[in-house]
Amino acid sequence: MLAEPTHNGNGGPKVSASLPLRVHKLGPESRKRRSSAMLGGPAVAPSQMTQPNAVDRRDPLTHLAQRVEIMEQKLDTLLTLVLRKQQQEARRLAVPLEIDALGLSYSSTEPLTVGQALELEITLGIFPPLEINCICEVTACEPEPGDRPEDSRFRVCAAFDAISEADLDKIHRFILTTQRERRRAHPRGDL
């Protein structure tokens, strides 16, 4: 039996999913800097607005309609390309994991030590992507059963150490949406 994340209390609803996950090990000093920066929130730069080109005054409605149509075509093309790239990246980085409001567990090829700090980047969903950035602490790391030693994998359990309220809200929304979609797909409860 694999160890569950050690948390004080119940993490609430939990969901299993295969999601893009990037893991970066942190030392003690980086952990402090990244945690304080993450909880303080990134500085938001003012948006850069471009001025529209001069409008043809001879027939402004026709000109406007043409410009709107061109912009719609460009946006459609751009969104298609972005979505395709996101789907490819998501498939490439997808890791089976379980996530709740207190932490997550996932399969890793690398053993980690209990107490190790990790910076995680998780993408919840494809479109629109919900990006989560957080600092976690490894609470357990145990070998997973496998046939060959060269295929050895480890079940890593980690508790959220530094995560913004906005990112916690994203996790809650993702869990509830995923559970609702699974109930619709399997109305008899055979999830």
Protein backbone atom coordinates (compact mmCIF):
# COMPACT_ATOMS: atom_id res chain seq x y z
CA MET A 1 0.00 0.00 0.00
CA LEU A 2 1.39 3.38 -0.98
CA ALA A 3 1.53 6.18 1.53
CA GLU A 4 -0.98 8.96 1.16
CA PRO A 5 0.10 12.58 1.50
CA THR A 6 0.38 13.45 5.16
CA HIS A 7 -1.96 16.35 5.75
CA ASN A 8 -3.75 17.70 8.79
CA GLY A 9 -7.41 17.09 8.00
CA ASN A 10 -9.27 16.21 4.87
CA GLY A 11 -8.25 17.61 1.48
CA GLY A 12 -11.86 17.49 0.29
CA PRO A 13 -12.79 16.16 -3.13
CA LYS A 14 -9.97 14.46 -5.01
CA VAL A 15 -9.67 13.58 -8.70
CA SER A 16 -7.34 11.35 -10.70
CA ALA A 17 -6.26 12.74 -14.07
CA SER A 18 -3.43 12.71 -16.55
CA LEU A 19 -2.15 16.29 -16.67
CA PRO A 20 0.91 18.17 -17.86
CA LEU A 21 3.29 18.50 -14.92
CA ARG A 22 6.73 20.09 -14.66
CA VAL A 23 8.77 19.45 -11.51
CA HIS A 24 11.80 21.47 -10.39
CA LYS A 25 13.78 20.65 -7.24
CA LEU A 26 14.43 23.60 -4.93
CA GLY A 27 17.08 24.18 -2.31
CA PRO A 28 16.23 25.88 1.01
CA GLU A 29 17.13 29.41 -0.14
CA SER A 30 15.34 29.11 -3.49
CA ARG A 31 12.34 27.73 -1.65
CA LYS A 32 12.10 30.83 0.57
CA ARG A 33 12.52 33.25 -2.36
CA ARG A 34 10.06 31.41 -4.62
CA SER A 35 7.48 30.97 -1.83
CA SER A 36 7.46 34.64 -0.89
CA ALA A 37 7.35 35.71 -4.55
CA MET A 38 4.52 33.27 -5.28
CA LEU A 39 2.38 34.26 -2.32
CA GLY A 40 3.01 37.95 -2.92
CA GLY A 41 1.92 37.54 -6.53
CA PRO A 42 3.76 38.62 -9.63
CA ALA A 43 3.93 42.27 -10.54
CA VAL A 44 1.47 42.98 -13.31
CA ALA A 45 2.77 45.25 -16.04
CA PRO A 46 0.30 47.63 -17.66
CA SER A 47 -1.02 46.33 -20.94
CA GLN A 48 0.44 47.73 -24.11
CA MET A 49 -2.37 48.95 -26.32
CA THR A 50 -1.67 49.74 -29.95
CA GLN A 51 -3.44 52.56 -31.66
CA PRO A 52 -5.70 51.53 -34.55
CA ASN A 53 -4.77 52.67 -38.02
CA ALA A 54 -6.65 55.60 -39.52
CA VAL A 55 -10.10 54.65 -40.78
CA ASP A 56 -11.16 55.29 -44.35
CA ARG A 57 -13.76 58.06 -44.00
CA ARG A 58 -15.37 57.42 -47.43
CA ASP A 59 -17.38 54.37 -46.32
CA PRO A 60 -16.59 53.69 -42.67
CA LEU A 61 -19.15 50.89 -42.15
CA THR A 62 -17.88 48.83 -45.09
CA HIS A 63 -14.31 49.42 -44.07
CA LEU A 64 -15.09 48.46 -40.47
CA ALA A 65 -16.90 45.30 -41.54
CA GLN A 66 -13.94 44.28 -43.72
CA ARG A 67 -11.48 44.87 -40.88
CA VAL A 68 -13.61 42.91 -38.42
CA GLU A 69 -13.83 39.99 -40.87
CA ILE A 70 -10.06 40.00 -41.39
CA MET A 71 -9.47 40.11 -37.62
CA GLU A 72 -11.89 37.21 -37.08
CA GLN A 73 -10.04 35.12 -39.66
CA LYS A 74 -6.69 35.91 -38.05
CA LEU A 75 -8.03 35.11 -34.58
CA ASP A 76 -9.52 31.80 -35.77
CA THR A 77 -6.21 30.80 -37.34
CA LEU A 78 -4.23 31.87 -34.30
CA LEU A 79 -6.54 30.08 -31.84
CA THR A 80 -6.40 26.90 -33.92
CA LEU A 81 -2.60 26.96 -33.90
CA VAL A 82 -2.40 27.74 -30.18
CA LEU A 83 -4.88 24.99 -29.30
CA ARG A 84 -3.02 22.46 -31.45
CA LYS A 85 0.29 23.39 -29.80
CA GLN A 86 -1.23 23.18 -26.32
CA GLN A 87 -2.69 19.75 -27.05
CA GLN A 88 0.66 18.46 -28.31
CA GLU A 89 2.49 19.87 -25.29
CA ALA A 90 -0.14 18.47 -22.91
CA ARG A 91 0.17 14.97 -24.41
CA ARG A 92 3.96 15.16 -24.22
CA LEU A 93 4.07 16.24 -20.57
CA ALA A 94 1.01 14.36 -19.26
CA VAL A 95 1.58 12.53 -15.98
CA PRO A 96 -1.06 10.44 -14.18
CA LEU A 97 -1.71 12.11 -10.84
CA GLU A 98 -4.22 12.54 -8.05
CA ILE A 99 -4.88 16.06 -6.82
CA ASP A 100 -6.91 17.67 -4.06
CA ALA A 101 -6.84 20.97 -2.18
CA LEU A 102 -3.96 19.92 0.09
CA GLY A 103 -1.57 18.26 -2.36
CA LEU A 104 -1.04 15.66 -5.02
CA SER A 105 0.60 12.36 -5.80
CA TYR A 106 2.22 11.36 -9.06
CA SER A 107 4.52 8.77 -10.61
CA SER A 108 8.18 9.70 -11.10
CA THR A 109 11.26 8.01 -12.54
CA GLU A 110 13.40 9.74 -9.91
CA PRO A 111 13.31 8.95 -6.19
CA LEU A 112 12.91 12.01 -3.96
CA THR A 113 13.60 12.46 -0.27
CA VAL A 114 10.90 13.31 2.24
CA GLY A 115 11.08 17.04 2.98
CA GLN A 116 12.48 17.91 -0.48
CA ALA A 117 10.98 21.16 -1.81
CA LEU A 118 9.58 21.11 -5.34
CA GLU A 119 8.31 23.84 -7.60
CA LEU A 120 5.45 22.45 -9.67
CA GLU A 121 3.83 23.79 -12.82
CA ILE A 122 0.55 22.02 -13.51
CA THR A 123 -1.79 22.67 -16.42
CA LEU A 124 -5.40 21.88 -15.57
CA GLY A 125 -7.39 21.41 -18.75
CA ILE A 126 -6.52 22.28 -22.32
CA PHE A 127 -8.69 25.20 -23.36
CA PRO A 128 -8.66 27.51 -21.62
CA PRO A 129 -5.59 26.22 -19.83
CA LEU A 130 -5.54 26.79 -16.09
CA GLU A 131 -1.91 27.15 -15.06
CA ILE A 132 -0.99 26.35 -11.46
CA ASN A 133 2.40 27.28 -9.99
CA CYS A 134 3.16 26.20 -6.45
CA ILE A 135 5.79 25.04 -4.01
CA CYS A 136 5.28 21.58 -2.54
CA GLU A 137 7.06 19.47 0.04
CA VAL A 138 7.55 15.75 -0.54
CA THR A 139 5.70 13.82 2.19
CA ALA A 140 6.34 10.31 0.85
CA CYS A 141 8.21 8.56 -1.95
CA GLU A 142 7.87 4.81 -2.37
CA PRO A 143 8.79 2.42 -5.18
CA GLU A 144 5.92 1.36 -7.43
CA PRO A 145 5.65 -2.31 -8.34
CA GLY A 146 7.36 -3.11 -11.63
CA ASP A 147 8.66 -6.08 -13.59
CA ARG A 148 12.11 -4.79 -14.51
CA PRO A 149 14.56 -2.72 -12.43
CA GLU A 150 15.30 -0.38 -15.36
CA ASP A 151 11.59 0.51 -15.45
CA SER A 152 11.53 1.47 -11.76
CA ARG A 153 9.15 4.26 -10.87
CA PHE A 154 8.29 5.96 -7.62
CA ARG A 155 4.98 7.22 -6.20
CA VAL A 156 5.66 10.74 -4.93
CA CYS A 157 3.21 12.36 -2.50
CA ALA A 158 3.57 16.09 -1.94
CA ALA A 159 1.73 18.66 0.17
CA PHE A 160 1.19 22.22 -1.06
CA ASP A 161 3.54 24.52 0.86
CA ALA A 162 3.07 27.82 -1.00
CA ILE A 163 0.09 28.25 -3.31
CA SER A 164 -2.04 31.29 -4.07
CA GLU A 165 -5.76 31.44 -3.29
CA ALA A 166 -6.41 31.92 -7.01
CA ASP A 167 -4.57 28.69 -7.82
CA LEU A 168 -6.47 26.83 -5.08
CA ASP A 169 -9.71 28.09 -6.61
CA LYS A 170 -8.56 26.75 -10.00
CA ILE A 171 -7.90 23.34 -8.44
CA HIS A 172 -11.35 23.29 -6.81
CA ARG A 173 -13.03 24.27 -10.11
CA PHE A 174 -11.04 21.63 -12.01
CA ILE A 175 -11.94 18.87 -9.52
CA LEU A 176 -15.64 19.73 -9.45
CA THR A 177 -15.84 20.10 -13.25
CA THR A 178 -14.02 16.80 -13.82
CA GLN A 179 -16.26 14.97 -11.34
CA ARG A 180 -19.39 16.46 -12.95
CA GLU A 181 -18.21 15.44 -16.45
CA ARG A 182 -17.45 11.90 -15.27
CA ARG A 183 -20.89 11.60 -13.63
CA ARG A 184 -22.51 12.67 -16.90
CA ALA A 185 -20.46 10.14 -18.85
CA HIS A 186 -21.22 7.36 -16.31
CA PRO A 187 -24.66 8.15 -14.85
CA ARG A 188 -24.91 4.84 -12.98
CA GLY A 189 -21.95 5.72 -10.77
CA ASP A 190 -19.49 3.22 -12.30
CA LEU A 191 -16.61 5.72 -12.46
